[in-house]
Amino acid sequence: MARLKVTQTRSTIGGKQNQRDTMRSLGLKRIGDVVVKDDRPEIRGMVTTVAHLVTFEEVD
């Protein structure tokens, strides 16, 4: 199964509450944090919601 490496690149300060909640659900708290998650539709949707705050890449 493919996995996604998600890195926080921008701050959530001034963002909407749902975006801050999504970042916390992904496990990202501060700029530079990296998490690796399974590539599932739910995770893809979360990443799409905060796409302007993170970068992501597929890893094996």
Protein backbone atom coordinates (compact mmCIF):
# COMPACT_ATOMS: atom_id res chain seq x y z
CA MET A 1 0.00 0.00 0.00
CA ALA A 2 1.26 3.46 -0.88
CA ARG A 3 1.89 6.01 1.81
CA LEU A 4 1.87 9.80 1.89
CA LYS A 5 4.58 11.90 3.49
CA VAL A 6 2.99 15.17 4.60
CA THR A 7 5.11 18.15 5.70
CA GLN A 8 3.73 21.34 7.23
CA THR A 9 5.20 24.34 5.40
CA ARG A 10 3.01 27.22 6.55
CA SER A 11 1.42 28.34 9.79
CA THR A 12 -2.23 27.86 10.72
CA ILE A 13 -2.38 31.29 12.36
CA GLY A 14 -5.22 33.25 10.83
CA GLY A 15 -6.68 30.15 9.19
CA LYS A 16 -10.17 28.81 9.51
CA GLN A 17 -11.05 26.56 12.43
CA ASN A 18 -11.73 23.54 10.23
CA GLN A 19 -8.26 23.88 8.70
CA ARG A 20 -6.62 24.05 12.13
CA ASP A 21 -8.61 20.98 13.21
CA THR A 22 -7.58 19.12 10.06
CA MET A 23 -3.90 19.87 10.68
CA ARG A 24 -4.20 18.51 14.23
CA SER A 25 -6.00 15.42 12.95
CA LEU A 26 -3.12 14.80 10.57
CA GLY A 27 -0.73 15.10 13.51
CA LEU A 28 0.90 18.36 12.43
CA LYS A 29 1.53 20.98 15.11
CA ARG A 30 4.30 23.27 13.85
CA ILE A 31 6.14 24.22 10.69
CA GLY A 32 8.55 21.50 9.64
CA ASP A 33 6.60 18.63 11.21
CA VAL A 34 6.45 15.51 9.02
CA VAL A 35 3.99 12.61 9.23
CA VAL A 36 3.64 9.51 7.09
CA LYS A 37 0.07 8.28 6.59
CA ASP A 38 -1.56 5.52 4.55
CA ASP A 39 -2.77 6.73 1.16
CA ARG A 40 -6.53 6.49 1.72
CA PRO A 41 -9.37 8.67 0.43
CA GLU A 42 -9.94 10.13 3.91
CA ILE A 43 -6.32 11.26 4.23
CA ARG A 44 -6.29 12.60 0.65
CA GLY A 45 -9.36 14.68 1.50
CA MET A 46 -7.67 16.10 4.60
CA VAL A 47 -4.56 16.97 2.61
CA THR A 48 -6.69 18.65 -0.05
CA THR A 49 -8.39 20.77 2.63
CA VAL A 50 -5.04 22.16 3.81
CA ALA A 51 -3.11 21.90 0.53
CA HIS A 52 -1.94 25.53 0.82
CA LEU A 53 -0.34 24.79 4.22
CA VAL A 54 1.43 21.51 3.44
CA THR A 55 3.48 19.67 0.85
CA PHE A 56 3.04 15.96 0.27
CA GLU A 57 4.64 13.18 -1.70
CA GLU A 58 4.03 9.48 -2.19
CA VAL A 59 6.55 7.14 -0.58
CA ASP A 60 6.85 3.37 -0.63
